Protein backbone atom coordinates (compact mmCIF):
# COMPACT_ATOMS: atom_id res chain seq x y z
CA MET A 1 65.52 99.88 136.94
CA ASN A 2 61.77 99.62 137.15
CA LYS A 3 60.94 96.35 135.36
CA VAL A 4 62.85 93.54 133.67
CA VAL A 5 60.95 90.98 131.56
CA LEU A 6 62.48 87.53 131.01
CA ALA A 7 60.70 85.75 128.16
CA GLY A 8 61.23 82.01 128.51
CA GLY A 9 62.90 82.71 131.84
CA SER A 10 61.81 79.65 133.84
CA GLY A 11 64.92 77.56 133.06
CA PHE A 12 68.50 77.53 134.33
CA LEU A 13 69.73 80.76 132.76
CA GLY A 14 66.44 82.49 133.49
CA SER A 15 66.80 81.70 137.19
CA VAL A 16 70.35 83.12 137.17
CA LEU A 17 69.12 86.34 135.56
CA ALA A 18 66.06 86.58 137.79
CA ARG A 19 68.26 86.48 140.89
CA HIS A 20 70.62 89.06 139.42
CA PHE A 21 68.01 91.56 138.32
CA SER A 22 65.77 91.12 141.38
CA THR A 23 68.36 93.13 143.34
CA ARG A 24 68.55 95.84 140.69
CA ALA A 25 64.95 96.28 139.52
CA LYS A 26 61.68 96.93 141.30
CA GLU A 27 60.18 93.85 139.67
CA VAL A 28 61.17 90.95 137.45
CA VAL A 29 58.49 89.36 135.28
CA ILE A 30 59.03 85.88 133.83
CA LEU A 31 57.02 84.88 130.77
CA SER A 32 56.56 81.12 131.00
CA ARG A 33 54.24 78.38 129.76
CA ARG A 34 53.80 77.28 133.39
CA ASN A 35 52.59 79.44 136.24
CA GLN A 36 54.83 79.67 139.29
CA PRO A 37 54.31 81.21 142.72
CA ALA A 38 55.62 84.74 143.14
CA SER A 39 58.82 85.13 145.14
CA ALA A 40 59.74 88.53 146.56
CA ASN A 41 59.71 90.87 143.53
CA ILE A 42 59.76 88.05 140.95
CA ARG A 43 56.48 86.95 139.41
CA THR A 44 55.40 84.77 136.50
CA VAL A 45 52.93 85.54 133.71
CA VAL A 46 51.76 82.72 131.48
CA TRP A 47 52.22 82.91 127.70
CA ASP A 48 52.34 80.35 124.90
CA ALA A 49 55.31 81.99 123.13
CA LYS A 50 53.34 81.99 119.87
CA HIS A 51 50.30 84.24 120.02
CA LEU A 52 49.90 87.85 121.03
CA ALA A 53 47.70 88.25 124.11
CA ASP A 54 47.10 91.32 126.23
CA ALA A 55 47.59 89.36 129.47
CA TRP A 56 51.33 89.06 128.85
CA ALA A 57 51.96 91.74 126.20
CA ARG A 58 51.07 94.56 128.59
CA GLU A 59 54.00 93.53 130.78
CA LEU A 60 56.35 94.89 128.11
CA ASP A 61 54.78 98.35 128.26
CA GLY A 62 57.22 100.58 130.09
CA ALA A 63 59.76 97.83 130.77
CA ASP A 64 63.38 98.86 131.01
CA LEU A 65 64.75 95.59 129.67
CA LEU A 66 63.36 92.63 127.71
CA ILE A 67 65.49 89.49 127.55
CA ASN A 68 64.36 86.64 125.30
CA LEU A 69 65.64 83.20 126.33
CA THR A 70 62.89 81.16 124.67
CA GLY A 71 63.67 77.98 122.78
CA LYS A 72 63.35 74.22 123.09
CA SER A 73 66.51 72.62 124.45
CA VAL A 74 68.83 71.21 121.80
CA ASN A 75 69.81 68.43 124.21
CA CYS A 76 67.65 65.90 122.37
CA ARG A 77 67.71 63.63 119.33
CA TYR A 78 67.30 65.55 116.10
CA THR A 79 64.14 63.80 114.98
CA PRO A 80 61.93 65.64 112.48
CA GLU A 81 59.51 66.50 115.29
CA ASN A 82 62.23 67.83 117.57
CA LYS A 83 63.88 69.77 114.76
CA LYS A 84 60.60 71.49 114.00
CA GLU A 85 60.04 72.38 117.65
CA ILE A 86 63.61 73.63 118.09
CA LEU A 87 63.20 75.99 115.15
CA ASP A 88 59.59 77.02 115.67
CA SER A 89 60.02 77.78 119.38
CA ARG A 90 62.76 80.28 118.57
CA LEU A 91 61.14 81.93 115.56
CA ASP A 92 57.60 82.11 116.96
CA SER A 93 58.66 83.65 120.27
CA THR A 94 60.90 86.25 118.64
CA ARG A 95 58.23 87.20 116.12
CA VAL A 96 55.47 87.61 118.69
CA LEU A 97 57.71 89.59 121.04
CA GLY A 98 58.38 91.95 118.15
CA GLU A 99 54.63 92.41 117.74
CA ALA A 100 54.23 93.15 121.44
CA VAL A 101 57.09 95.66 121.46
CA ARG A 102 55.61 97.49 118.46
CA GLN A 103 52.18 97.82 120.05
CA ALA A 104 53.47 98.96 123.44
CA ALA A 105 52.62 102.56 124.33
CA VAL A 106 56.05 102.82 125.96
CA PRO A 107 58.21 100.08 124.42
CA PRO A 108 61.10 98.46 126.32
CA ARG A 109 64.25 100.54 126.30
CA VAL A 110 66.47 97.55 125.48
CA TRP A 111 65.80 94.11 123.95
CA ILE A 112 68.51 91.50 124.51
CA GLN A 113 68.11 88.34 122.42
CA SER A 114 69.92 85.17 123.45
CA ALA A 115 71.37 83.14 120.60
CA SER A 116 74.16 80.59 120.28
CA ALA A 117 77.90 80.54 119.65
CA THR A 118 77.36 77.33 117.70
CA ILE A 119 76.60 79.48 114.65
CA TYR A 120 80.32 79.48 113.84
CA ARG A 121 81.99 76.64 111.97
CA HIS A 122 83.87 73.76 113.61
CA ALA A 123 87.15 75.56 114.37
CA GLU A 124 90.35 74.05 115.72
CA ASP A 125 92.63 76.28 113.64
CA ARG A 126 91.79 79.83 114.79
CA PRO A 127 89.45 81.82 117.02
CA MET A 128 86.05 82.99 115.77
CA ASP A 129 84.99 86.53 116.67
CA GLU A 130 82.14 88.81 115.63
CA ALA A 131 84.04 90.42 112.75
CA THR A 132 86.06 87.56 111.26
CA GLY A 133 84.23 84.43 112.43
CA GLU A 134 83.06 82.08 109.70
CA ILE A 135 79.48 80.80 109.81
CA GLY A 136 79.20 77.01 109.72
CA GLU A 137 76.83 74.52 108.10
CA GLY A 138 74.24 72.00 109.24
CA PHE A 139 70.96 71.95 111.13
CA SER A 140 72.11 73.81 114.25
CA VAL A 141 73.70 76.58 112.19
CA ASP A 142 70.57 76.86 110.01
CA VAL A 143 68.52 77.35 113.19
CA CYS A 144 70.93 80.03 114.42
CA ARG A 145 70.82 81.86 111.09
CA ALA A 146 67.02 81.90 111.01
CA TRP A 147 66.84 82.87 114.69
CA GLU A 148 69.15 85.86 114.24
CA LYS A 149 67.50 86.88 110.97
CA ILE A 150 64.01 87.11 112.47
CA PHE A 151 65.34 89.11 115.43
CA TRP A 152 66.97 91.71 113.22
CA GLU A 153 63.84 91.85 111.05
CA GLN A 154 61.78 93.12 113.99
CA ASN A 155 61.29 96.82 113.32
CA VAL A 156 61.27 98.35 116.80
CA THR A 157 62.96 101.69 116.27
CA ALA A 158 62.45 102.97 119.83
CA THR A 159 64.15 99.94 121.37
CA ARG A 160 67.91 99.29 121.43
CA LYS A 161 68.58 95.76 120.18
CA ILE A 162 71.42 93.45 121.22
CA LEU A 163 72.02 89.84 120.16
CA LEU A 164 74.22 87.52 122.22
CA ARG A 165 75.96 84.43 120.87
CA ILE A 166 76.35 82.53 124.14
CA GLY A 167 78.77 79.67 124.84
CA ILE A 168 78.41 76.82 127.36
CA VAL A 169 77.33 78.39 130.65
CA LEU A 170 79.06 77.04 133.75
CA GLY A 171 76.53 76.67 136.54
CA MET A 172 74.84 73.92 138.52
CA GLY A 173 71.24 74.77 137.63
CA ASP A 174 71.17 72.77 134.37
CA GLY A 175 72.78 72.62 130.96
CA ALA A 176 75.93 70.81 129.89
CA PHE A 177 78.09 71.41 132.95
CA PRO A 178 76.27 69.23 135.53
CA ARG A 179 76.43 66.35 133.04
CA MET A 180 80.18 66.81 132.59
CA LEU A 181 80.57 66.90 136.36
CA ASN A 182 78.65 63.64 136.75
CA LEU A 183 80.96 61.97 134.22
CA VAL A 184 84.03 63.11 136.15
CA ARG A 185 82.66 61.87 139.46
CA ALA A 186 81.86 58.50 137.88
CA GLY A 187 85.43 58.12 136.63
CA LEU A 188 84.45 58.78 133.01
CA GLY A 189 85.84 62.28 132.79
CA GLY A 190 88.58 61.76 130.25
CA LYS A 191 88.82 63.46 126.89
CA GLN A 192 85.81 63.13 124.61
CA GLY A 193 86.48 62.13 121.03
CA SER A 194 89.91 63.40 119.96
CA GLY A 195 89.94 65.93 122.79
CA HIS A 196 91.23 68.51 120.30
CA GLN A 197 87.88 70.26 119.90
CA TYR A 198 87.54 73.56 121.73
CA ILE A 199 85.01 74.27 124.46
CA THR A 200 83.75 77.83 124.57
CA TRP A 201 82.64 78.43 128.15
CA ILE A 202 81.45 81.27 130.37
CA HIS A 203 80.61 81.51 134.08
CA GLU A 204 76.96 82.18 134.89
CA ASP A 205 77.91 85.32 136.82
CA ASP A 206 79.50 86.82 133.72
CA VAL A 207 76.40 86.15 131.61
CA ALA A 208 74.29 88.17 134.03
CA ALA A 209 76.94 90.86 134.45
CA ILE A 210 77.38 91.23 130.69
CA MET A 211 73.66 91.74 130.18
CA GLN A 212 73.67 94.36 132.95
CA TRP A 213 76.73 96.04 131.44
CA LEU A 214 75.21 96.14 127.97
CA TYR A 215 72.02 97.63 129.37
CA ASP A 216 73.92 100.30 131.32
CA ASN A 217 76.13 101.30 128.39
CA GLU A 218 73.71 102.99 126.04
CA ALA A 219 76.08 103.06 123.06
CA GLN A 220 76.17 99.26 122.87
CA GLN A 221 74.07 97.47 120.29
CA GLY A 222 74.42 94.74 117.68
CA THR A 223 75.96 91.28 118.05
CA PHE A 224 78.28 90.18 120.86
CA ASN A 225 79.96 86.85 121.59
CA VAL A 226 79.24 85.99 125.23
CA THR A 227 82.09 83.64 126.07
CA SER A 228 85.16 83.76 128.26
CA PRO A 229 88.32 85.08 126.55
CA THR A 230 89.96 81.66 127.04
CA PRO A 231 88.34 78.76 125.16
CA VAL A 232 90.13 75.50 125.96
CA LEU A 233 90.61 72.10 124.37
CA ASN A 234 88.15 69.44 125.50
CA ALA A 235 91.01 67.36 126.91
CA ASP A 236 92.25 70.33 128.97
CA PHE A 237 88.75 71.21 130.15
CA MET A 238 88.10 67.68 131.41
CA ARG A 239 91.56 67.47 133.02
CA THR A 240 91.00 70.77 134.83
CA LEU A 241 87.58 69.64 136.02
CA ARG A 242 89.08 66.40 137.35
CA GLU A 243 91.75 68.38 139.21
CA VAL A 244 89.21 70.73 140.77
CA CYS A 245 87.07 67.74 141.80
CA LYS A 246 90.17 65.88 143.07
CA VAL A 247 89.39 62.88 140.86
CA PRO A 248 92.71 61.26 139.90
CA PHE A 249 91.66 59.60 136.65
CA GLY A 250 89.05 59.73 133.92
CA LEU A 251 88.40 57.17 131.22
CA PRO A 252 88.30 58.71 127.73
CA SER A 253 85.22 58.42 125.50
CA PRO A 254 86.06 57.74 121.85
CA ALA A 255 83.78 59.24 119.21
CA TRP A 256 82.19 55.88 118.31
CA LEU A 257 81.21 55.31 121.95
CA LEU A 258 79.78 58.81 122.25
CA LYS A 259 77.65 58.24 119.16
CA LEU A 260 76.35 54.97 120.59
CA GLY A 261 75.68 56.48 123.99
CA ALA A 262 73.92 59.51 122.51
CA VAL A 263 71.24 57.24 121.09
CA PHE A 264 70.52 55.75 124.51
CA ILE A 265 70.42 59.03 126.44
CA GLY A 266 68.52 60.92 123.75
CA THR A 267 70.96 63.57 122.62
CA GLU A 268 73.36 64.40 119.76
CA THR A 269 77.16 64.11 119.71
CA GLU A 270 77.44 67.52 118.03
CA LEU A 271 77.00 69.08 121.47
CA ILE A 272 80.27 67.40 122.55
CA LEU A 273 82.34 66.93 119.41
CA LYS A 274 81.92 70.25 117.60
CA SER A 275 84.88 72.58 118.16
CA ARG A 276 83.66 76.01 119.27
CA ARG A 277 86.68 78.30 119.45
CA VAL A 278 84.76 81.52 120.00
CA VAL A 279 86.16 84.67 121.60
CA PRO A 280 84.47 87.88 122.91
CA THR A 281 86.43 90.43 120.90
CA ARG A 282 83.75 93.14 121.02
CA LEU A 283 83.22 92.91 124.78
CA LEU A 284 86.94 93.16 125.44
CA ALA A 285 87.36 96.06 123.00
CA GLU A 286 84.47 97.97 124.59
CA GLY A 287 85.92 97.56 128.08
CA TYR A 288 83.98 94.78 129.78
CA VAL A 289 86.09 93.19 132.53
CA PHE A 290 85.38 89.50 133.07
CA LYS A 291 84.76 88.19 136.57
CA HIS A 292 85.99 84.73 135.56
CA SER A 293 88.47 84.34 132.71
CA ASP A 294 90.52 81.53 134.27
CA LEU A 295 88.94 78.09 133.94
CA THR A 296 90.30 76.67 137.21
CA GLY A 297 88.97 79.62 139.18
CA ALA A 298 85.60 79.51 137.41
CA LEU A 299 85.12 75.79 138.05
CA THR A 300 86.20 76.16 141.67
CA ASP A 301 83.68 78.95 142.18
CA VAL A 302 80.82 76.98 140.63
CA LEU A 303 81.55 73.88 142.73
CA LYS A 304 81.64 75.96 145.93
CA ARG A 305 77.96 76.68 145.36
CA VAL A 306 76.89 73.04 145.35
């Protein structure tokens, strides 16, 4: 590969992908609101994720792969201001990237768009896959719908388009997992709420490997669930994490306590209490082989890297 462009790639998942592709491409370009020093073949170009500008748009010209990770974190209170920023950051960045791809003399070969597995309904009864999964309701789902819609509306006929509905990524860089780990180490790692809600998880290595695999396999396009094949109940996830950490007990957190605590730490209980029973049917059918499909092994591997 010659060039990989990571739009919004300065966060946790962006750093995972930058490391992965830096060994497979001549250069990796991160589009970020903040400038960062270059490191080996990874460099940063500043953009505002809203307006087309030649300084960053020319980086897409001739790129092999464009990956869009842009979007305000949903780990916040859903105030009107935050809701607007969550939605706008996703729609604006996708729209302006579409403009840049269309004006490129040699457009990117592949555009991979990150999205969220939370688009599916709260599901404890059956798995949700790409063909039979039922779309849910509420603010987060509305954001996902609009996000996917604007991506598919981008008319870039020379570029192969892929949309990924990603689950909770297991890694120590950021995201939900380090917070779960801190709860376990503090003795608070029991079930959350009823414990019957499913956690759809995936190891960070598989996220990067899946994107590489989709790029390499030129017949692949459309929507893919990027999750492990084995979603687990919240109670089982927390128990397994306690076992891997060798913590003998964990106090449970009832739903009322989670709702109270969410106010103080500035987040929403939906991130914990919604049941996401999502499975990667398309990836399995097309032949992708997961590096980590067993939760115990995945957690052990992540903790070895601390």
